[in-house]
Amino acid sequence: MNKRIKSLVLSAALVASMAILGGCGSNNVGYVDSVKVANSTEKGIEITKEINAKKAELDAKIAAADEASKQNVFNQANQELNAFANAKAQEYRQYQEQKINELVKEKKLDVIIEKGAVVGGGSDVTDDLITKMGKASDDQIKEVERSLPWKKLYRNSQI
């Protein structure tokens, strides 16, 4: 579920950045690694923890259901989790966009786009955005990494 949310956030950021980039003829472009930002900031970690807690709550509800109603409870829990996760993703996007807009002004950039959209050039402002959004402690980052098995795969693929 968290991978899906981060993919949605990443996709939304990419679409928004491409729309902005299409309208400007500038050379002053910054880029960020959205996955690194989400996994290294207090806000990203806070939201991940909230979603994980909601999932654990709903998993317990499903486990407690009797066999006759288990499928119905599962379906309701899935809908509830999706709605919760979507709301949290929107909250994160709004916060991130605010900080990106501040960073654009500070760094005098015309646009900030997703790292995956950059073939060459541009300035990596990932660490600047992480600092602006509130860098999480190493302990917080490690705690979340332990709860996200796919995160370990992502880190290993970057080697």
N, C-alpha and C. Protein backbone atom coordinates (compact mmCIF):
# COMPACT_ATOMS: atom_id res chain seq x y z
N MET A 1 0.82 -1.18 0.00
CA MET A 1 0.00 0.00 0.00
C MET A 1 0.87 1.26 0.00
N ASN A 2 1.93 1.29 0.84
CA ASN A 2 2.79 2.46 0.91
C ASN A 2 3.51 2.69 -0.41
N LYS A 3 3.88 1.61 -1.08
CA LYS A 3 4.54 1.75 -2.37
C LYS A 3 3.58 2.38 -3.37
N ARG A 4 2.31 1.99 -3.29
CA ARG A 4 1.29 2.55 -4.19
C ARG A 4 1.11 4.04 -3.94
N ILE A 5 1.09 4.43 -2.68
CA ILE A 5 0.91 5.83 -2.32
C ILE A 5 2.09 6.66 -2.83
N LYS A 6 3.27 6.15 -2.59
CA LYS A 6 4.45 6.88 -3.04
C LYS A 6 4.52 6.96 -4.55
N SER A 7 4.04 5.91 -5.22
CA SER A 7 3.97 5.96 -6.68
C SER A 7 2.99 7.02 -7.14
N LEU A 8 1.86 7.11 -6.44
CA LEU A 8 0.86 8.13 -6.77
C LEU A 8 1.43 9.53 -6.56
N VAL A 9 2.11 9.74 -5.44
CA VAL A 9 2.71 11.04 -5.16
C VAL A 9 3.75 11.37 -6.22
N LEU A 10 4.57 10.40 -6.54
CA LEU A 10 5.60 10.58 -7.55
C LEU A 10 4.98 10.91 -8.90
N SER A 11 3.94 10.18 -9.29
CA SER A 11 3.27 10.42 -10.56
C SER A 11 2.65 11.80 -10.62
N ALA A 12 1.99 12.19 -9.53
CA ALA A 12 1.36 13.51 -9.49
C ALA A 12 2.41 14.62 -9.60
N ALA A 13 3.53 14.44 -8.91
CA ALA A 13 4.61 15.43 -8.97
C ALA A 13 5.19 15.50 -10.38
N LEU A 14 5.35 14.36 -11.01
CA LEU A 14 5.89 14.32 -12.36
C LEU A 14 4.96 15.00 -13.35
N VAL A 15 3.67 14.70 -13.27
CA VAL A 15 2.69 15.31 -14.18
C VAL A 15 2.66 16.82 -13.98
N ALA A 16 2.64 17.26 -12.72
CA ALA A 16 2.61 18.69 -12.44
C ALA A 16 3.87 19.38 -12.94
N SER A 17 5.00 18.74 -12.72
CA SER A 17 6.25 19.36 -13.15
C SER A 17 6.36 19.41 -14.66
N MET A 18 5.88 18.41 -15.34
CA MET A 18 5.94 18.42 -16.80
C MET A 18 5.02 19.50 -17.37
N ALA A 19 3.87 19.71 -16.74
CA ALA A 19 2.95 20.76 -17.19
C ALA A 19 3.61 22.12 -17.03
N ILE A 20 4.29 22.32 -15.91
CA ILE A 20 4.96 23.59 -15.66
C ILE A 20 6.12 23.76 -16.63
N LEU A 21 6.91 22.72 -16.79
CA LEU A 21 8.08 22.78 -17.65
C LEU A 21 7.70 23.04 -19.10
N GLY A 22 6.58 22.48 -19.53
CA GLY A 22 6.14 22.67 -20.90
C GLY A 22 5.85 24.12 -21.23
N GLY A 23 5.52 24.91 -20.23
CA GLY A 23 5.17 26.30 -20.46
C GLY A 23 6.31 27.28 -20.29
N CYS A 24 7.51 26.81 -20.01
CA CYS A 24 8.59 27.77 -19.81
C CYS A 24 9.80 27.39 -20.65
N GLY A 25 10.51 28.37 -21.07
CA GLY A 25 11.70 28.14 -21.88
C GLY A 25 12.94 28.46 -21.09
N SER A 26 13.05 27.96 -19.89
CA SER A 26 14.14 28.34 -19.02
C SER A 26 15.23 27.28 -18.98
N ASN A 27 16.35 27.70 -18.42
CA ASN A 27 17.46 26.78 -18.22
C ASN A 27 17.71 26.52 -16.75
N ASN A 28 16.95 27.15 -15.88
CA ASN A 28 17.19 27.06 -14.45
C ASN A 28 16.26 26.02 -13.83
N VAL A 29 16.67 24.76 -13.94
CA VAL A 29 15.83 23.64 -13.53
C VAL A 29 16.47 22.90 -12.36
N GLY A 30 15.66 22.63 -11.34
CA GLY A 30 16.09 21.80 -10.24
C GLY A 30 15.35 20.48 -10.30
N TYR A 31 15.88 19.46 -9.68
CA TYR A 31 15.18 18.18 -9.63
C TYR A 31 15.35 17.55 -8.26
N VAL A 32 14.36 16.72 -7.90
CA VAL A 32 14.38 16.03 -6.61
C VAL A 32 14.07 14.56 -6.79
N ASP A 33 14.60 13.77 -5.87
CA ASP A 33 14.29 12.35 -5.77
C ASP A 33 13.15 12.24 -4.75
N SER A 34 11.92 12.13 -5.23
CA SER A 34 10.74 12.14 -4.36
C SER A 34 10.72 10.99 -3.37
N VAL A 35 11.21 9.83 -3.75
CA VAL A 35 11.23 8.68 -2.85
C VAL A 35 12.19 8.97 -1.69
N LYS A 36 13.35 9.49 -1.99
CA LYS A 36 14.31 9.83 -0.94
C LYS A 36 13.73 10.90 -0.02
N VAL A 37 13.06 11.88 -0.59
CA VAL A 37 12.45 12.94 0.23
C VAL A 37 11.40 12.35 1.16
N ALA A 38 10.52 11.52 0.63
CA ALA A 38 9.45 10.93 1.45
C ALA A 38 10.01 10.06 2.57
N ASN A 39 11.10 9.37 2.31
CA ASN A 39 11.67 8.45 3.29
C ASN A 39 12.70 9.09 4.22
N SER A 40 13.00 10.37 4.01
CA SER A 40 14.03 11.03 4.81
C SER A 40 13.51 12.24 5.57
N THR A 41 12.23 12.55 5.44
CA THR A 41 11.68 13.73 6.11
C THR A 41 10.73 13.32 7.23
N GLU A 42 10.63 14.19 8.21
CA GLU A 42 9.74 13.93 9.34
C GLU A 42 8.30 13.75 8.87
N LYS A 43 7.86 14.60 7.94
CA LYS A 43 6.48 14.53 7.45
C LYS A 43 6.23 13.22 6.71
N GLY A 44 7.15 12.83 5.86
CA GLY A 44 7.00 11.57 5.13
C GLY A 44 6.95 10.38 6.07
N ILE A 45 7.81 10.38 7.07
CA ILE A 45 7.86 9.27 8.02
C ILE A 45 6.61 9.28 8.90
N GLU A 46 6.18 10.47 9.32
CA GLU A 46 4.96 10.58 10.13
C GLU A 46 3.76 9.98 9.40
N ILE A 47 3.63 10.31 8.14
CA ILE A 47 2.49 9.81 7.36
C ILE A 47 2.62 8.31 7.12
N THR A 48 3.81 7.84 6.86
CA THR A 48 4.02 6.40 6.70
C THR A 48 3.62 5.65 7.96
N LYS A 49 4.01 6.18 9.12
CA LYS A 49 3.65 5.55 10.39
C LYS A 49 2.14 5.55 10.59
N GLU A 50 1.48 6.66 10.26
CA GLU A 50 0.03 6.74 10.42
C GLU A 50 -0.68 5.72 9.53
N ILE A 51 -0.20 5.57 8.32
CA ILE A 51 -0.81 4.61 7.40
C ILE A 51 -0.55 3.19 7.89
N ASN A 52 0.67 2.91 8.35
CA ASN A 52 0.98 1.58 8.88
C ASN A 52 0.13 1.26 10.11
N ALA A 53 -0.08 2.26 10.97
CA ALA A 53 -0.90 2.05 12.17
C ALA A 53 -2.35 1.77 11.78
N LYS A 54 -2.85 2.50 10.79
CA LYS A 54 -4.23 2.28 10.33
C LYS A 54 -4.34 0.88 9.73
N LYS A 55 -3.35 0.47 8.96
CA LYS A 55 -3.37 -0.86 8.36
C LYS A 55 -3.36 -1.94 9.44
N ALA A 56 -2.53 -1.76 10.47
CA ALA A 56 -2.48 -2.73 11.57
C ALA A 56 -3.82 -2.81 12.29
N GLU A 57 -4.44 -1.65 12.49
CA GLU A 57 -5.76 -1.61 13.14
C GLU A 57 -6.79 -2.38 12.31
N LEU A 58 -6.77 -2.15 11.01
CA LEU A 58 -7.73 -2.82 10.14
C LEU A 58 -7.42 -4.31 9.98
N ASP A 59 -6.14 -4.67 9.97
CA ASP A 59 -5.76 -6.08 9.91
C ASP A 59 -6.29 -6.83 11.15
N ALA A 60 -6.21 -6.17 12.31
CA ALA A 60 -6.72 -6.78 13.54
C ALA A 60 -8.24 -6.95 13.46
N LYS A 61 -8.90 -5.98 12.88
CA LYS A 61 -10.35 -6.04 12.70
C LYS A 61 -10.74 -7.21 11.79
N ILE A 62 -9.97 -7.40 10.73
CA ILE A 62 -10.22 -8.50 9.80
C ILE A 62 -9.97 -9.84 10.51
N ALA A 63 -8.87 -9.93 11.24
CA ALA A 63 -8.53 -11.17 11.95
C ALA A 63 -9.58 -11.54 12.98
N ALA A 64 -10.21 -10.53 13.58
CA ALA A 64 -11.21 -10.78 14.62
C ALA A 64 -12.59 -11.15 14.04
N ALA A 65 -12.77 -10.93 12.76
CA ALA A 65 -14.07 -11.22 12.14
C ALA A 65 -14.29 -12.72 12.03
N ASP A 66 -15.55 -13.13 12.15
CA ASP A 66 -15.85 -14.55 11.97
C ASP A 66 -15.79 -14.89 10.48
N GLU A 67 -15.68 -16.16 10.18
CA GLU A 67 -15.50 -16.61 8.79
C GLU A 67 -16.63 -16.14 7.87
N ALA A 68 -17.84 -16.09 8.36
CA ALA A 68 -18.98 -15.70 7.53
C ALA A 68 -18.89 -14.25 7.06
N SER A 69 -18.34 -13.40 7.90
CA SER A 69 -18.29 -11.97 7.54
C SER A 69 -16.89 -11.50 7.16
N LYS A 70 -15.91 -12.38 7.17
CA LYS A 70 -14.52 -11.99 6.93
C LYS A 70 -14.32 -11.26 5.59
N GLN A 71 -14.93 -11.77 4.52
CA GLN A 71 -14.76 -11.13 3.21
C GLN A 71 -15.36 -9.73 3.21
N ASN A 72 -16.53 -9.58 3.80
CA ASN A 72 -17.17 -8.27 3.87
C ASN A 72 -16.33 -7.30 4.70
N VAL A 73 -15.83 -7.76 5.83
CA VAL A 73 -14.99 -6.92 6.69
C VAL A 73 -13.71 -6.55 5.95
N PHE A 74 -13.14 -7.51 5.23
CA PHE A 74 -11.94 -7.25 4.44
C PHE A 74 -12.20 -6.16 3.40
N ASN A 75 -13.29 -6.27 2.67
CA ASN A 75 -13.61 -5.28 1.64
C ASN A 75 -13.80 -3.89 2.24
N GLN A 76 -14.52 -3.82 3.36
CA GLN A 76 -14.73 -2.53 4.02
C GLN A 76 -13.41 -1.95 4.53
N ALA A 77 -12.59 -2.81 5.10
CA ALA A 77 -11.29 -2.36 5.62
C ALA A 77 -10.40 -1.86 4.49
N ASN A 78 -10.44 -2.55 3.36
CA ASN A 78 -9.65 -2.13 2.21
C ASN A 78 -10.09 -0.76 1.72
N GLN A 79 -11.39 -0.54 1.64
CA GLN A 79 -11.91 0.76 1.21
C GLN A 79 -11.51 1.85 2.21
N GLU A 80 -11.63 1.53 3.49
CA GLU A 80 -11.27 2.50 4.54
C GLU A 80 -9.79 2.84 4.47
N LEU A 81 -8.94 1.84 4.29
CA LEU A 81 -7.51 2.07 4.21
C LEU A 81 -7.17 2.91 2.97
N ASN A 82 -7.78 2.58 1.85
CA ASN A 82 -7.52 3.36 0.63
C ASN A 82 -7.92 4.82 0.81
N ALA A 83 -9.08 5.07 1.40
CA ALA A 83 -9.54 6.44 1.62
C ALA A 83 -8.58 7.18 2.57
N PHE A 84 -8.18 6.48 3.64
CA PHE A 84 -7.25 7.07 4.61
C PHE A 84 -5.91 7.39 3.95
N ALA A 85 -5.38 6.42 3.21
CA ALA A 85 -4.08 6.59 2.55
C ALA A 85 -4.14 7.71 1.51
N ASN A 86 -5.23 7.79 0.77
CA ASN A 86 -5.37 8.86 -0.22
C ASN A 86 -5.41 10.23 0.44
N ALA A 87 -6.12 10.33 1.56
CA ALA A 87 -6.18 11.60 2.29
C ALA A 87 -4.79 11.98 2.81
N LYS A 88 -4.06 11.02 3.32
CA LYS A 88 -2.72 11.28 3.83
C LYS A 88 -1.75 11.65 2.70
N ALA A 89 -1.91 11.00 1.55
CA ALA A 89 -1.07 11.33 0.39
C ALA A 89 -1.35 12.76 -0.06
N GLN A 90 -2.60 13.17 -0.04
CA GLN A 90 -2.96 14.54 -0.40
C GLN A 90 -2.36 15.54 0.59
N GLU A 91 -2.44 15.21 1.88
CA GLU A 91 -1.84 16.06 2.91
C GLU A 91 -0.34 16.23 2.67
N TYR A 92 0.31 15.11 2.36
CA TYR A 92 1.76 15.14 2.11
C TYR A 92 2.06 15.97 0.86
N ARG A 93 1.30 15.76 -0.21
CA ARG A 93 1.52 16.51 -1.46
C ARG A 93 1.41 18.01 -1.23
N GLN A 94 0.38 18.43 -0.50
CA GLN A 94 0.19 19.86 -0.25
C GLN A 94 1.37 20.44 0.53
N TYR A 95 1.81 19.72 1.55
CA TYR A 95 2.95 20.17 2.34
C TYR A 95 4.21 20.24 1.47
N GLN A 96 4.44 19.20 0.69
CA GLN A 96 5.62 19.15 -0.17
C GLN A 96 5.58 20.26 -1.22
N GLU A 97 4.43 20.50 -1.81
CA GLU A 97 4.32 21.56 -2.82
C GLU A 97 4.63 22.92 -2.22
N GLN A 98 4.16 23.16 -1.00
CA GLN A 98 4.44 24.43 -0.32
C GLN A 98 5.95 24.60 -0.16
N LYS A 99 6.62 23.56 0.29
CA LYS A 99 8.06 23.63 0.51
C LYS A 99 8.82 23.73 -0.81
N ILE A 100 8.33 23.07 -1.84
CA ILE A 100 8.96 23.17 -3.17
C ILE A 100 8.85 24.60 -3.67
N ASN A 101 7.69 25.22 -3.51
CA ASN A 101 7.51 26.61 -3.96
C ASN A 101 8.46 27.55 -3.22
N GLU A 102 8.65 27.32 -1.93
CA GLU A 102 9.60 28.13 -1.17
C GLU A 102 11.02 27.92 -1.69
N LEU A 103 11.36 26.67 -1.99
CA LEU A 103 12.70 26.34 -2.49
C LEU A 103 12.94 26.96 -3.86
N VAL A 104 11.93 26.96 -4.70
CA VAL A 104 12.05 27.57 -6.03
C VAL A 104 12.44 29.04 -5.89
N LYS A 105 11.78 29.75 -4.99
CA LYS A 105 12.08 31.17 -4.78
C LYS A 105 13.47 31.36 -4.20
N GLU A 106 13.82 30.56 -3.20
CA GLU A 106 15.13 30.71 -2.56
C GLU A 106 16.28 30.43 -3.51
N LYS A 107 16.14 29.39 -4.30
CA LYS A 107 17.21 28.98 -5.22
C LYS A 107 17.12 29.67 -6.57
N LYS A 108 16.08 30.51 -6.73
CA LYS A 108 15.85 31.22 -8.00
C LYS A 108 15.78 30.25 -9.18
N LEU A 109 15.00 29.18 -8.96
CA LEU A 109 14.78 28.19 -10.01
C LEU A 109 13.48 28.52 -10.74
N ASP A 110 13.40 28.10 -11.97
CA ASP A 110 12.16 28.28 -12.72
C ASP A 110 11.20 27.13 -12.44
N VAL A 111 11.76 25.97 -12.18
CA VAL A 111 10.92 24.79 -11.95
C VAL A 111 11.75 23.73 -11.23
N ILE A 112 11.05 22.88 -10.48
CA ILE A 112 11.65 21.69 -9.88
C ILE A 112 10.86 20.50 -10.39
N ILE A 113 11.56 19.52 -10.94
CA ILE A 113 10.91 18.33 -11.49
C ILE A 113 11.44 17.08 -10.79
N GLU A 114 10.80 15.97 -11.09
CA GLU A 114 11.19 14.68 -10.53
C GLU A 114 12.50 14.22 -11.18
N LYS A 115 13.38 13.67 -10.38
CA LYS A 115 14.69 13.21 -10.84
C LYS A 115 14.58 12.26 -12.03
N GLY A 116 13.59 11.39 -12.04
CA GLY A 116 13.44 10.42 -13.13
C GLY A 116 13.16 11.06 -14.48
N ALA A 117 12.71 12.32 -14.47
CA ALA A 117 12.42 13.01 -15.73
C ALA A 117 13.65 13.70 -16.30
N VAL A 118 14.76 13.68 -15.56
CA VAL A 118 15.97 14.37 -15.98
C VAL A 118 16.89 13.39 -16.69
N VAL A 119 17.25 13.72 -17.92
CA VAL A 119 18.20 12.91 -18.66
C VAL A 119 19.60 13.46 -18.45
N GLY A 120 19.72 14.75 -18.36
CA GLY A 120 21.01 15.38 -18.12
C GLY A 120 20.79 16.83 -17.74
N GLY A 121 21.75 17.38 -17.03
CA GLY A 121 21.66 18.78 -16.62
C GLY A 121 20.80 18.97 -15.40
N GLY A 122 20.50 20.21 -15.10
CA GLY A 122 19.70 20.55 -13.94
C GLY A 122 20.51 20.47 -12.67
N SER A 123 19.91 20.92 -11.58
CA SER A 123 20.56 20.92 -10.27
C SER A 123 19.78 20.02 -9.32
N ASP A 124 20.48 19.12 -8.66
CA ASP A 124 19.83 18.25 -7.68
C ASP A 124 19.61 19.05 -6.40
N VAL A 125 18.33 19.27 -6.06
CA VAL A 125 17.98 20.02 -4.86
C VAL A 125 17.27 19.12 -3.84
N THR A 126 17.49 17.81 -3.97
CA THR A 126 16.85 16.84 -3.07
C THR A 126 17.20 17.12 -1.62
N ASP A 127 18.48 17.27 -1.31
CA ASP A 127 18.90 17.49 0.07
C ASP A 127 18.38 18.82 0.60
N ASP A 128 18.29 19.83 -0.26
CA ASP A 128 17.74 21.12 0.15
C ASP A 128 16.27 20.99 0.53
N LEU A 129 15.53 20.20 -0.26
CA LEU A 129 14.11 19.99 0.04
C LEU A 129 13.94 19.19 1.32
N ILE A 130 14.78 18.19 1.52
CA ILE A 130 14.73 17.40 2.75
C ILE A 130 14.95 18.30 3.96
N THR A 131 15.93 19.17 3.87
CA THR A 131 16.21 20.11 4.97
C THR A 131 15.02 21.03 5.20
N LYS A 132 14.46 21.56 4.14
CA LYS A 132 13.33 22.48 4.23
C LYS A 132 12.10 21.79 4.83
N MET A 133 11.89 20.53 4.49
CA MET A 133 10.72 19.80 4.99
C MET A 133 10.94 19.26 6.40
N GLY A 134 12.17 19.25 6.86
CA GLY A 134 12.49 18.73 8.19
C GLY A 134 13.09 17.35 8.09
N LYS A 135 14.41 17.28 8.12
CA LYS A 135 15.10 15.99 8.00
C LYS A 135 14.82 15.14 9.22
N ALA A 136 14.47 13.91 8.97
CA ALA A 136 14.23 12.95 10.04
C ALA A 136 15.57 12.49 10.61
N SER A 137 15.55 12.04 11.85
CA SER A 137 16.77 11.51 12.45
C SER A 137 17.10 10.15 11.81
N ASP A 138 18.34 9.76 11.94
CA ASP A 138 18.76 8.46 11.41
C ASP A 138 17.95 7.33 12.05
N ASP A 139 17.65 7.46 13.35
CA ASP A 139 16.86 6.44 14.03
C ASP A 139 15.45 6.34 13.46
N GLN A 140 14.84 7.50 13.16
CA GLN A 140 13.50 7.50 12.56
C GLN A 140 13.53 6.82 11.19
N ILE A 141 14.53 7.15 10.42
CA ILE A 141 14.65 6.57 9.07
C ILE A 141 14.84 5.06 9.16
N LYS A 142 15.70 4.61 10.04
CA LYS A 142 15.95 3.17 10.19
C LYS A 142 14.69 2.45 10.67
N GLU A 143 13.95 3.08 11.57
CA GLU A 143 12.71 2.46 12.08
C GLU A 143 11.71 2.24 10.95
N VAL A 144 11.57 3.23 10.10
CA VAL A 144 10.64 3.10 8.98
C VAL A 144 11.17 2.09 7.96
N GLU A 145 12.46 2.09 7.72
CA GLU A 145 13.03 1.12 6.78
C GLU A 145 12.74 -0.32 7.21
N ARG A 146 12.78 -0.55 8.51
CA ARG A 146 12.49 -1.89 9.02
C ARG A 146 11.04 -2.28 8.76
N SER A 147 10.15 -1.30 8.71
CA SER A 147 8.73 -1.60 8.51
C SER A 147 8.36 -1.68 7.03
N LEU A 148 9.28 -1.34 6.14
CA LEU A 148 9.00 -1.36 4.70
C LEU A 148 9.97 -2.29 3.99
N PRO A 149 9.58 -3.55 3.78
CA PRO A 149 10.51 -4.48 3.13
C PRO A 149 10.91 -4.04 1.72
N TRP A 150 10.00 -3.40 1.00
CA TRP A 150 10.34 -2.95 -0.37
C TRP A 150 11.38 -1.84 -0.33
N LYS A 151 11.45 -1.10 0.77
CA LYS A 151 12.42 -0.02 0.90
C LYS A 151 13.84 -0.57 0.84
N LYS A 152 14.05 -1.73 1.46
CA LYS A 152 15.36 -2.35 1.43
C LYS A 152 15.73 -2.73 0.00
N LEU A 153 14.74 -3.20 -0.74
CA LEU A 153 15.00 -3.54 -2.12
C LEU A 153 15.38 -2.31 -2.93
N TYR A 154 14.68 -1.19 -2.66
CA TYR A 154 14.97 0.06 -3.38
C TYR A 154 16.40 0.51 -3.09
N ARG A 155 16.79 0.50 -1.81
CA ARG A 155 18.14 0.92 -1.45
C ARG A 155 19.19 0.03 -2.13
N ASN A 156 18.96 -1.29 -2.13
CA ASN A 156 19.91 -2.22 -2.74
C ASN A 156 20.02 -2.03 -4.24
N SER A 157 18.94 -1.58 -4.88
CA SER A 157 18.97 -1.41 -6.32
C SER A 157 19.75 -0.17 -6.72
N GLN A 158 20.05 0.73 -5.77
CA GLN A 158 20.77 1.95 -6.06
C GLN A 158 22.27 1.78 -6.03
N ILE A 159 22.73 0.60 -5.65
CA ILE A 159 24.17 0.35 -5.51
C ILE A 159 24.84 0.24 -6.86
